Protein backbone atom coordinates (compact mmCIF):
# COMPACT_ATOMS: atom_id res chain seq x y z
CA MET A 1 0.00 0.00 0.00
CA LYS A 2 2.68 2.50 1.06
CA ASN A 3 5.00 1.67 -1.84
CA ARG A 4 2.92 3.83 -4.18
CA PHE A 5 3.80 6.89 -2.14
CA LEU A 6 7.54 6.28 -1.73
CA PRO A 7 8.52 8.76 -4.51
CA ILE A 8 6.42 11.45 -2.79
CA ILE A 9 7.97 10.74 0.60
CA ALA A 10 11.47 10.80 -0.95
CA GLY A 11 10.77 14.18 -2.54
CA ILE A 12 9.52 15.61 0.74
CA ALA A 13 12.62 14.33 2.52
CA ALA A 14 14.92 15.87 -0.11
CA ILE A 15 13.26 19.27 0.24
CA SER A 16 13.47 19.03 4.04
CA ALA A 17 17.18 18.25 3.87
CA SER A 18 17.87 21.32 1.74
CA ALA A 19 16.02 23.63 4.13
CA ALA A 20 18.93 24.47 6.42
CA ALA A 21 18.69 28.25 6.68
CA GLN A 22 15.79 29.59 8.72
CA ASP A 23 14.08 32.84 7.73
CA ALA A 24 12.51 35.22 10.24
CA PRO A 25 9.17 33.72 11.38
CA VAL A 26 5.91 35.28 10.29
CA GLU A 27 3.48 36.74 12.80
CA ASP A 28 1.19 34.25 14.49
CA GLY A 29 -2.48 33.98 13.59
CA ALA A 30 -5.46 31.68 13.14
CA TYR A 31 -6.33 29.93 9.88
CA ILE A 32 -8.86 27.65 8.26
CA ARG A 33 -7.94 24.77 5.96
CA LEU A 34 -9.87 22.77 3.37
CA GLY A 35 -8.39 19.74 1.63
CA ALA A 36 -9.14 16.73 -0.57
CA GLY A 37 -7.20 13.82 -1.97
CA VAL A 38 -6.83 10.11 -2.63
CA SER A 39 -6.75 7.50 0.11
CA ILE A 40 -5.77 3.82 0.03
CA ALA A 41 -7.15 1.81 2.97
CA GLY A 42 -5.36 -1.34 4.07
CA ASP A 43 -7.27 -4.58 3.46
CA TRP A 44 -8.97 -6.18 6.47
CA GLU A 45 -8.53 -9.69 7.87
CA GLN A 46 -11.19 -10.31 10.50
CA ASP A 47 -12.20 -13.12 12.84
CA LEU A 48 -15.89 -14.00 12.78
CA ALA A 49 -18.14 -15.38 15.52
CA PHE A 50 -21.82 -16.21 15.11
CA ASN A 51 -24.73 -16.68 17.43
CA MET A 52 -27.01 -18.76 15.23
CA ASP A 53 -30.58 -17.66 14.75
CA PRO A 54 -32.72 -20.69 13.79
CA SER A 55 -34.29 -18.57 11.05
CA GLY A 56 -30.88 -17.42 9.75
CA PRO A 57 -29.07 -18.26 6.48
CA PHE A 58 -27.09 -21.29 7.73
CA SER A 59 -28.83 -24.66 7.61
CA ALA A 60 -28.28 -27.60 9.94
CA GLY A 61 -25.87 -29.11 7.38
CA SER A 62 -23.55 -26.09 7.19
CA LEU A 63 -21.18 -24.16 9.42
CA PRO A 64 -20.61 -20.39 9.35
CA PRO A 65 -17.22 -18.98 8.31
CA THR A 66 -14.62 -18.23 10.96
CA GLU A 67 -12.67 -15.55 9.06
CA GLN A 68 -13.14 -13.02 6.29
CA GLN A 69 -10.90 -10.86 4.13
CA LEU A 70 -12.02 -7.52 2.68
CA ASP A 71 -10.17 -6.04 -0.31
CA PHE A 72 -10.58 -2.30 -0.88
CA SER A 73 -10.09 -0.10 -3.91
CA GLU A 74 -8.62 3.40 -3.86
CA GLY A 75 -10.94 5.90 -2.21
CA LEU A 76 -11.43 9.60 -1.59
CA THR A 77 -10.77 11.73 1.46
CA ALA A 78 -11.71 15.30 2.37
CA ALA A 79 -10.90 17.46 5.38
CA ALA A 80 -11.70 20.76 7.10
CA ALA A 81 -9.64 22.21 9.94
CA LEU A 82 -9.40 25.25 12.19
CA GLY A 83 -5.89 26.00 13.36
CA PHE A 84 -3.41 28.48 14.81
CA ASP A 85 0.00 29.29 13.30
CA TYR A 86 2.48 30.37 15.99
CA ALA A 87 5.41 32.70 15.31
CA ASP A 88 8.00 29.99 16.01
CA GLY A 89 7.09 27.61 13.18
CA ILE A 90 4.62 25.51 15.17
CA ARG A 91 1.02 25.00 14.10
CA THR A 92 -1.84 23.29 15.95
CA GLU A 93 -5.29 22.52 14.63
CA LEU A 94 -8.56 20.67 15.10
CA GLU A 95 -9.40 18.64 11.99
CA TYR A 96 -12.44 16.77 10.73
CA ARG A 97 -11.73 14.28 7.94
CA TYR A 98 -13.97 11.93 5.96
CA SER A 99 -12.78 8.95 3.91
CA LYS A 100 -14.55 6.26 1.94
CA ALA A 101 -13.53 3.35 -0.27
CA ASP A 102 -15.38 0.74 -2.32
CA ILE A 103 -15.07 -2.89 -1.26
CA ASP A 104 -13.86 -4.91 -4.24
CA GLN A 105 -14.25 -8.36 -2.73
CA VAL A 106 -15.19 -10.22 0.43
CA THR A 107 -13.69 -13.71 0.94
CA LEU A 108 -15.17 -16.00 3.61
CA LEU A 109 -12.89 -18.67 5.07
CA GLY A 110 -13.21 -21.60 7.47
CA GLY A 111 -16.89 -22.40 7.05
CA PHE A 112 -18.74 -25.27 5.45
CA THR A 113 -21.72 -25.05 3.09
CA GLU A 114 -23.60 -27.74 1.21
CA GLU A 115 -22.90 -25.96 -2.09
CA ASN A 116 -19.17 -25.12 -1.70
CA GLY A 117 -17.97 -27.51 0.98
CA SER A 118 -15.03 -25.94 2.86
CA ASP A 119 -13.72 -23.92 -0.12
CA PRO A 120 -13.39 -20.13 0.32
CA VAL A 121 -16.40 -18.17 -0.86
CA SER A 122 -15.74 -14.80 -2.57
CA PHE A 123 -18.25 -12.19 -3.69
CA ASP A 124 -18.60 -8.50 -4.47
CA PRO A 125 -20.83 -6.97 -1.77
CA ASP A 126 -21.52 -3.77 -3.74
CA ALA A 127 -20.73 -1.80 -0.59
CA GLU A 128 -18.16 0.59 0.83
CA ILE A 129 -16.46 1.46 4.09
CA LYS A 130 -16.82 4.97 5.48
CA ALA A 131 -14.73 6.62 8.17
CA HIS A 132 -15.08 9.90 10.06
CA PHE A 133 -12.13 11.29 12.01
CA LEU A 134 -11.91 14.08 14.56
CA MET A 135 -8.21 14.80 15.12
CA THR A 136 -6.04 17.23 17.06
CA ASN A 137 -2.91 17.90 14.99
CA PHE A 138 0.45 19.60 15.45
CA PHE A 139 2.94 20.66 12.75
CA PHE A 140 6.54 21.87 12.59
CA ASP A 141 7.28 24.21 9.66
CA PHE A 142 10.89 24.47 8.41
CA ALA A 143 11.05 28.01 6.99
CA ASN A 144 13.84 28.65 4.46
CA SER A 145 14.79 30.95 1.59
CA SER A 146 12.87 28.96 -1.06
CA PRO A 147 9.16 29.37 -1.92
CA LEU A 148 8.51 25.92 -0.42
CA THR A 149 8.28 25.27 3.32
CA PRO A 150 8.66 21.60 4.32
CA PHE A 151 6.71 20.44 7.35
CA ILE A 152 6.13 17.36 9.46
CA GLY A 153 3.37 16.66 11.93
CA GLY A 154 1.14 14.21 13.67
CA GLY A 155 -2.15 13.91 15.45
CA VAL A 156 -4.39 11.88 17.70
CA GLY A 157 -8.14 11.67 18.01
CA GLY A 158 -11.16 9.50 17.36
CA ALA A 159 -12.31 7.38 14.40
CA PHE A 160 -15.88 6.37 13.62
CA VAL A 161 -15.91 3.58 11.02
CA SER A 162 -18.80 1.94 9.15
CA ASN A 163 -18.26 -1.49 7.55
CA GLU A 164 -19.82 -3.33 4.58
CA ASN A 165 -22.99 -4.07 6.59
CA ALA A 166 -23.35 -0.46 7.81
CA GLU A 167 -22.29 -1.57 11.31
CA ARG A 168 -20.35 1.08 13.21
CA ASP A 169 -17.55 1.18 15.74
CA ALA A 170 -15.38 3.90 17.30
CA ALA A 171 -11.68 3.67 18.13
CA LEU A 172 -8.62 5.75 18.98
CA ALA A 173 -6.87 7.08 15.85
CA TYR A 174 -3.36 8.46 15.35
CA GLN A 175 -1.52 9.75 12.31
CA GLY A 176 1.79 10.99 10.93
CA ARG A 177 2.06 13.66 8.22
CA ALA A 178 4.76 15.21 6.03
CA GLY A 179 4.60 17.65 3.16
CA VAL A 180 5.47 21.03 1.71
CA SER A 181 3.64 24.37 1.74
CA LEU A 182 3.61 27.00 -0.99
CA GLU A 183 2.91 30.61 0.01
CA MET A 184 0.46 32.10 -2.50
CA GLY A 185 0.08 35.64 -1.11
CA THR A 186 -2.91 37.51 0.33
CA GLY A 187 -3.01 35.09 3.25
CA PHE A 188 -3.40 31.88 1.19
CA THR A 189 -1.10 28.84 1.42
CA ALA A 190 -1.28 25.56 -0.50
CA ASP A 191 -0.25 22.35 1.27
CA PHE A 192 0.80 19.11 -0.44
CA GLU A 193 1.16 16.23 2.01
CA TYR A 194 1.31 12.51 2.68
CA ILE A 195 -0.68 11.14 5.65
CA TYR A 196 -0.48 7.75 7.30
CA LEU A 197 -3.36 7.00 9.70
CA ARG A 198 -4.08 4.01 11.91
CA THR A 199 -6.69 3.13 14.54
CA ASN A 200 -6.96 0.65 17.37
CA GLU A 201 -8.75 -2.62 16.62
CA LEU A 202 -12.36 -2.37 15.52
CA GLU A 203 -15.27 -4.61 16.54
CA PHE A 204 -18.48 -4.78 14.53
CA GLY A 205 -21.77 -6.35 15.52
CA PRO A 206 -22.74 -7.64 18.97
CA SER A 207 -19.94 -8.70 21.25
CA ALA A 208 -19.24 -12.44 21.12
CA ASP A 209 -18.95 -12.41 24.92
CA GLU A 210 -22.64 -11.52 25.10
CA PHE A 211 -23.90 -14.42 22.94
CA THR A 212 -26.45 -16.66 24.71
CA ALA A 213 -29.14 -19.09 23.62
CA GLU A 214 -31.66 -16.26 23.92
CA GLY A 215 -29.56 -13.77 21.91
CA PRO A 216 -28.36 -11.44 20.72
CA PHE A 217 -28.30 -13.26 17.39
CA GLY A 218 -25.88 -12.13 14.73
CA ARG A 219 -22.25 -11.90 13.76
CA ALA A 220 -19.25 -10.40 15.55
CA ALA A 221 -16.32 -9.29 13.35
CA THR A 222 -13.07 -8.47 15.16
CA GLY A 223 -9.30 -8.53 14.81
CA ASP A 224 -8.35 -5.70 12.46
CA ARG A 225 -8.00 -1.94 12.41
CA TYR A 226 -8.50 0.87 9.92
CA GLN A 227 -5.24 2.07 8.38
CA SER A 228 -4.69 4.18 5.30
CA SER A 229 -2.16 6.12 3.26
CA SER A 230 -3.40 9.36 1.72
CA VAL A 231 -2.11 12.11 -0.51
CA MET A 232 -3.94 15.38 0.10
CA VAL A 233 -3.89 18.89 -1.34
CA SER A 234 -5.15 21.62 1.00
CA LEU A 235 -5.71 25.36 0.89
CA ARG A 236 -5.08 27.41 4.03
CA ARG A 237 -6.42 30.94 4.65
CA ARG A 238 -5.00 33.05 7.50
CA PHE A 239 -7.23 35.56 9.25
C-alpha cells in the first residue's frame, strides 16, 4: 500500500534536507484549511463469531465462516480544519476528515456449506467502508529561503468507522504527516502532504462475549483496524 507513495515521501525528505537556513518567522495567527485527496485503505482480515438464529441463512448441514478478508479499492478523502499558526514555526489545529472506499471483494474462510464444501467463498458486496475522524494535529514548519516550506506533523483523536454491513464502531486514531507548503500571497497557502493514519482494533456487531441461547443473534467481526495512506492537497487561509 505505502510503496505507491515512496517517490512522494522521498521528494519531501529531499526538500526538508535542503532547508537548512531559517528565515525570520511570520506573525502568528489563526487559519482555516480545506483539503481533498486520494486515500488507500489497508485490506482487512477479520475473525468471525456467530450466534445462530434458527431462522438465519445457515442450515443444519452447514457451518458459518470463521474468518473473512475484505479487499478495498482506492478511495477519496476530504478534510476541514481550524488551526493556529504560531510565530515559532509551530502550528496546531482541530481537523475533521472523511474517507470512503469501495469494497472490491469479500472472501469468507473456514466455514462449510452444502454448495461449496469448505472452499473459500468470494463475492462483491456492492458496498463501501466509510470513516469519520476528529483529530487534534500539530505541525513543525521548516522556513527557508525557497518558496517551499517543508513540514512534518502528527495527530491523535477518534475514528468512527462503518463497515460493509453499515455496522459502526469507534476507536482511537493516530496519524503521521509530512509535506510542503507554498505561500500564494494575500493570506493563502497551498499544502501538499502525505498522511499515514491508523486506529486501534475495531469490533463490529454484537460482542461475542454476550452471545447466549436467547440472543443477541448475529455476527461479531473483530481482529483488524483501519489504516490508510493518503495524498492530500489543502488550501489554508489566514485571518
